[in-house]
Amino acid sequence: MLDIAKRTALGALLLLLMPLAVWLSGWQWQPGQGNLWLKGLFWVTETVTRPWGIVTSALLCGWFLWCLRFRPRPAAVLLIIIVTAVLAGQYTKSFIKDRVQEPRPYVLWLERAHQVNEAEFYQLKRPARGDLVSTLLASDTTLPGWLKKHWAFETGYAFPSGHTFFAATWALLGVGLLWPRRHTKTVVALLLWASGVMASRLVLGMHWPRDLVAATLLSWVFVTLATWLVQRFCGPLTIPPSERQEIRQREEE
């Protein structure tokens, strides 16, 4: 368990570098223009937003099963543990959001720019919040249309970041489960993707740096436990001796 915790902690530390740096720098979000890089980050965030997050999870589940190549019964257990970890993280995120009730950055901007009372905004039902955002921004030509729609769709509370919880969980699952099998490219790709999702939440006005930090730390707890359960009930995560010999032979060739 200690080795697993150390390995996943290293992955969490890598994910925390960006939001901690932004937090300590004192950076303040302001509405961006319709730049190409901003639209690119929007598409990164869409890989986690409903319903595309379900597609992302399905693809990653299949990839993890292929990478680990457990026998059918351990593979089924692996799938259950992974899906449970992801869903548990999302339920935990929702539970905390409803109690902390931290407003999103763009909501506070609406309060300043369009005289929307933040407390009254969150007293509305979600559909009404979305309608209000769409109405207020209908004549605003400085914001791209896709960003207006995204704000109208994402009207919940900020702390902690659900998108970060989702992406960090998958990235840390890669560190915990795939790193011992030397699937280095997959692990790096997952960490870069998760970092992109986290960056997108900041620049799109959806979250504060602390929201990302909290979500990453919580996901580390969930993933560490999930990785231990996989090792306990599915088999060793290290490369089997037979496969290790095949890898050496390929490297020598």
Protein backbone atom coordinates (compact mmCIF):
# COMPACT_ATOMS: atom_id res chain seq x y z
CA MET A 1 0.00 0.00 0.00
CA LEU A 2 2.83 2.41 0.81
CA ASP A 3 4.47 1.88 -2.59
CA ILE A 4 1.15 2.51 -4.31
CA ALA A 5 0.58 5.69 -2.29
CA LYS A 6 4.05 6.99 -3.16
CA ARG A 7 3.55 6.27 -6.86
CA THR A 8 0.14 7.94 -7.07
CA ALA A 9 1.36 10.82 -4.89
CA LEU A 10 4.06 11.56 -7.45
CA GLY A 11 1.41 11.70 -10.16
CA ALA A 12 -0.75 13.98 -8.01
CA LEU A 13 2.21 16.28 -7.39
CA LEU A 14 2.77 16.63 -11.13
CA LEU A 15 -0.89 17.56 -11.61
CA LEU A 16 -0.74 20.06 -8.75
CA LEU A 17 2.19 22.03 -10.15
CA MET A 18 0.12 24.14 -12.52
CA PRO A 19 -2.82 25.11 -10.23
CA LEU A 20 -0.49 25.79 -7.30
CA ALA A 21 1.70 28.02 -9.47
CA VAL A 22 -1.36 29.92 -10.70
CA TRP A 23 -2.71 30.21 -7.16
CA LEU A 24 0.55 31.53 -5.73
CA SER A 25 1.03 33.95 -8.62
CA GLY A 26 -2.16 35.78 -7.72
CA TRP A 27 -3.54 35.38 -11.27
CA GLN A 28 -7.09 36.71 -11.68
CA TRP A 29 -9.46 35.41 -14.33
CA GLN A 30 -10.99 37.79 -16.84
CA PRO A 31 -13.34 36.91 -19.72
CA GLY A 32 -11.29 35.98 -22.76
CA GLN A 33 -11.90 36.68 -26.39
CA GLY A 34 -12.68 34.05 -29.00
CA ASN A 35 -9.07 33.08 -29.52
CA LEU A 36 -8.18 29.81 -31.18
CA TRP A 37 -6.27 28.50 -28.15
CA LEU A 38 -9.26 29.25 -25.92
CA LYS A 39 -11.54 27.29 -28.26
CA GLY A 40 -9.03 24.46 -28.18
CA LEU A 41 -9.16 24.33 -24.40
CA PHE A 42 -12.95 24.33 -24.64
CA TRP A 43 -12.82 21.14 -26.70
CA VAL A 44 -10.48 19.64 -24.12
CA THR A 45 -12.98 20.42 -21.38
CA GLU A 46 -15.75 18.90 -23.51
CA THR A 47 -14.09 15.48 -23.25
CA VAL A 48 -15.25 15.53 -19.63
CA THR A 49 -18.54 17.45 -19.94
CA ARG A 50 -21.76 15.44 -20.23
CA PRO A 51 -22.39 13.43 -22.36
CA TRP A 52 -18.86 13.17 -23.75
CA GLY A 53 -17.43 12.22 -20.38
CA ILE A 54 -19.31 8.91 -20.67
CA VAL A 55 -17.68 8.26 -24.05
CA THR A 56 -14.27 9.15 -22.61
CA SER A 57 -14.80 6.75 -19.70
CA ALA A 58 -15.87 3.93 -22.00
CA LEU A 59 -12.81 4.37 -24.21
CA LEU A 60 -10.43 4.55 -21.25
CA CYS A 61 -12.01 1.48 -19.62
CA GLY A 62 -11.40 -0.48 -22.80
CA TRP A 63 -7.83 0.79 -23.04
CA PHE A 64 -7.03 -0.10 -19.42
CA LEU A 65 -8.43 -3.60 -19.92
CA TRP A 66 -6.29 -4.04 -23.01
CA CYS A 67 -3.15 -2.72 -21.32
CA LEU A 68 -3.47 -4.87 -18.20
CA ARG A 69 -4.79 -7.98 -19.97
CA PHE A 70 -6.14 -9.72 -16.91
CA ARG A 71 -8.11 -12.93 -17.28
CA PRO A 72 -11.91 -12.49 -17.64
CA ARG A 73 -12.83 -12.65 -13.95
CA PRO A 74 -10.06 -10.30 -12.68
CA ALA A 75 -10.80 -8.04 -15.66
CA ALA A 76 -14.44 -7.77 -14.56
CA VAL A 77 -13.34 -6.91 -11.03
CA LEU A 78 -10.91 -4.33 -12.43
CA LEU A 79 -13.71 -2.73 -14.40
CA ILE A 80 -15.97 -2.55 -11.34
CA ILE A 81 -13.25 -0.96 -9.21
CA ILE A 82 -12.34 1.63 -11.85
CA VAL A 83 -15.93 2.65 -12.57
CA THR A 84 -16.71 2.78 -8.84
CA ALA A 85 -13.72 5.05 -8.22
CA VAL A 86 -14.79 7.45 -10.97
CA LEU A 87 -18.46 7.52 -9.91
CA ALA A 88 -17.62 7.80 -6.20
CA GLY A 89 -15.49 10.81 -6.98
CA GLN A 90 -18.34 12.50 -8.83
CA TYR A 91 -20.84 11.84 -6.05
CA THR A 92 -18.35 13.14 -3.49
CA LYS A 93 -17.80 16.25 -5.59
CA SER A 94 -21.55 16.93 -5.73
CA PHE A 95 -21.91 16.38 -1.99
CA ILE A 96 -19.16 18.90 -1.19
CA LYS A 97 -20.40 21.46 -3.74
CA ASP A 98 -23.86 21.55 -2.20
CA ARG A 99 -22.39 22.29 1.23
CA VAL A 100 -19.58 24.70 0.39
CA GLN A 101 -21.64 26.61 -2.23
CA GLU A 102 -18.75 28.54 -3.72
CA PRO A 103 -19.74 30.70 -6.74
CA ARG A 104 -17.97 30.25 -10.05
CA PRO A 105 -15.68 33.04 -11.30
CA TYR A 106 -17.94 33.86 -14.24
CA VAL A 107 -20.92 34.26 -11.88
CA LEU A 108 -19.06 36.90 -9.88
CA TRP A 109 -18.16 38.58 -13.17
CA LEU A 110 -21.86 38.62 -14.09
CA GLU A 111 -22.53 40.24 -10.74
CA ARG A 112 -20.11 43.07 -11.53
CA ALA A 113 -20.86 43.47 -15.24
CA HIS A 114 -24.61 42.78 -15.34
CA GLN A 115 -25.74 43.54 -11.79
CA VAL A 116 -26.71 39.96 -11.02
CA ASN A 117 -26.94 39.19 -7.33
CA GLU A 118 -24.84 36.06 -6.76
CA ALA A 119 -26.96 34.82 -3.85
CA GLU A 120 -30.20 35.27 -5.79
CA PHE A 121 -28.67 33.60 -8.84
CA TYR A 122 -27.96 30.39 -6.93
CA GLN A 123 -31.41 30.42 -5.34
CA LEU A 124 -32.85 29.79 -8.80
CA LYS A 125 -33.31 26.28 -10.18
CA ARG A 126 -30.63 25.17 -12.64
CA PRO A 127 -32.76 25.65 -15.80
CA ALA A 128 -33.67 29.16 -14.65
CA ARG A 129 -30.01 29.98 -14.03
CA GLY A 130 -29.15 28.86 -17.54
CA ASP A 131 -31.97 30.94 -19.04
CA LEU A 132 -30.82 33.99 -17.06
CA VAL A 133 -27.22 33.63 -18.27
CA SER A 134 -28.39 33.29 -21.89
CA THR A 135 -30.63 36.34 -21.58
CA LEU A 136 -27.98 38.53 -19.97
CA LEU A 137 -25.34 37.66 -22.55
CA ALA A 138 -27.55 37.62 -25.65
CA SER A 139 -26.38 41.07 -26.80
CA ASP A 140 -22.77 40.72 -25.59
CA THR A 141 -20.57 40.66 -28.69
CA THR A 142 -17.28 40.41 -26.80
CA LEU A 143 -17.86 36.78 -25.77
CA PRO A 144 -17.92 33.86 -28.22
CA GLY A 145 -21.23 32.06 -28.56
CA TRP A 146 -19.85 28.69 -27.51
CA LEU A 147 -18.61 30.18 -24.23
CA LYS A 148 -22.02 31.71 -23.51
CA LYS A 149 -23.63 28.31 -24.07
CA HIS A 150 -21.07 26.63 -21.83
CA TRP A 151 -21.73 29.09 -19.01
CA ALA A 152 -25.49 28.60 -19.42
CA PHE A 153 -25.00 24.83 -19.22
CA GLU A 154 -22.59 24.86 -16.25
CA THR A 155 -24.45 26.84 -13.58
CA GLY A 156 -23.56 24.80 -10.49
CA TYR A 157 -21.18 25.66 -7.68
CA ALA A 158 -17.40 25.72 -8.08
CA PHE A 159 -15.67 23.90 -5.18
CA PRO A 160 -14.29 21.34 -5.89
CA SER A 161 -13.88 20.96 -9.65
CA GLY A 162 -15.80 17.98 -10.98
CA HIS A 163 -13.98 18.07 -14.32
CA THR A 164 -10.65 18.00 -12.50
CA PHE A 165 -11.88 15.19 -10.23
CA PHE A 166 -12.78 13.14 -13.31
CA ALA A 167 -9.62 13.80 -15.33
CA ALA A 168 -7.24 13.52 -12.37
CA THR A 169 -8.83 10.23 -11.34
CA TRP A 170 -8.18 8.72 -14.75
CA ALA A 171 -4.67 10.15 -14.94
CA LEU A 172 -3.76 8.84 -11.49
CA LEU A 173 -5.33 5.47 -12.30
CA GLY A 174 -2.89 5.41 -15.18
CA VAL A 175 -0.01 6.13 -12.81
CA GLY A 176 -1.20 3.55 -10.29
CA LEU A 177 -2.15 0.74 -12.66
CA LEU A 178 -0.30 1.22 -15.93
CA TRP A 179 3.04 2.65 -14.82
CA PRO A 180 4.16 -0.69 -13.30
CA ARG A 181 3.42 -2.33 -16.67
CA ARG A 182 5.62 0.24 -18.42
CA HIS A 183 2.81 1.86 -20.41
CA THR A 184 4.74 5.10 -20.17
CA LYS A 185 3.24 6.80 -23.22
CA THR A 186 -0.29 6.22 -21.97
CA VAL A 187 0.55 7.58 -18.52
CA VAL A 188 2.18 10.71 -19.97
CA ALA A 189 -0.76 11.25 -22.33
CA LEU A 190 -3.24 10.95 -19.45
CA LEU A 191 -1.29 13.41 -17.29
CA LEU A 192 -1.08 15.93 -20.14
CA TRP A 193 -4.79 15.53 -20.90
CA ALA A 194 -5.74 15.99 -17.23
CA SER A 195 -3.53 19.08 -17.00
CA GLY A 196 -5.24 20.45 -20.13
CA VAL A 197 -8.65 19.88 -18.59
CA MET A 198 -7.55 21.65 -15.41
CA ALA A 199 -6.17 24.61 -17.35
CA SER A 200 -9.39 24.85 -19.34
CA ARG A 201 -11.46 25.16 -16.17
CA LEU A 202 -9.41 28.18 -15.13
CA VAL A 203 -9.36 30.10 -18.41
CA LEU A 204 -13.04 29.44 -19.16
CA GLY A 205 -14.03 31.10 -15.90
CA MET A 206 -15.43 27.95 -14.32
CA HIS A 207 -13.09 27.43 -11.35
CA TRP A 208 -10.57 28.95 -8.97
CA PRO A 209 -7.13 27.32 -8.55
CA ARG A 210 -8.11 26.02 -5.09
CA ASP A 211 -10.97 24.08 -6.67
CA LEU A 212 -8.46 22.19 -8.82
CA VAL A 213 -6.09 21.56 -5.93
CA ALA A 214 -8.82 20.13 -3.70
CA ALA A 215 -10.19 17.91 -6.48
CA THR A 216 -6.73 16.54 -7.28
CA LEU A 217 -5.98 15.71 -3.64
CA LEU A 218 -9.34 13.99 -3.19
CA SER A 219 -8.90 12.01 -6.40
CA TRP A 220 -5.49 10.86 -5.14
CA VAL A 221 -7.18 9.33 -2.08
CA PHE A 222 -9.76 7.51 -4.20
CA VAL A 223 -7.20 6.27 -6.72
CA THR A 224 -4.75 5.05 -4.08
CA LEU A 225 -7.50 2.93 -2.54
CA ALA A 226 -8.69 1.72 -5.94
CA THR A 227 -5.19 0.75 -7.02
CA TRP A 228 -4.68 -1.21 -3.81
CA LEU A 229 -7.99 -3.03 -4.36
CA VAL A 230 -6.99 -3.93 -7.92
CA GLN A 231 -3.67 -5.32 -6.71
CA ARG A 232 -5.43 -7.18 -3.90
CA PHE A 233 -8.22 -8.79 -5.93
CA CYS A 234 -7.01 -8.83 -9.55
CA GLY A 235 -3.37 -9.79 -9.29
CA PRO A 236 0.08 -8.18 -9.34
CA LEU A 237 0.48 -4.96 -11.29
CA THR A 238 4.13 -5.52 -12.12
CA ILE A 239 5.10 -7.17 -15.37
CA PRO A 240 5.03 -11.00 -15.14
CA PRO A 241 8.46 -12.70 -15.52
CA SER A 242 7.47 -14.25 -18.85
CA GLU A 243 6.48 -10.90 -20.34
CA ARG A 244 9.59 -9.28 -18.84
CA GLN A 245 11.76 -11.71 -20.74
CA GLU A 246 9.90 -10.98 -23.98
CA ILE A 247 10.43 -7.23 -23.44
CA ARG A 248 14.17 -7.75 -22.90
CA GLN A 249 14.38 -9.81 -26.10
CA ARG A 250 12.58 -7.11 -28.09
CA GLU A 251 14.84 -4.42 -26.65
CA GLU A 252 17.96 -6.45 -27.54
CA GLU A 253 16.73 -6.89 -31.11
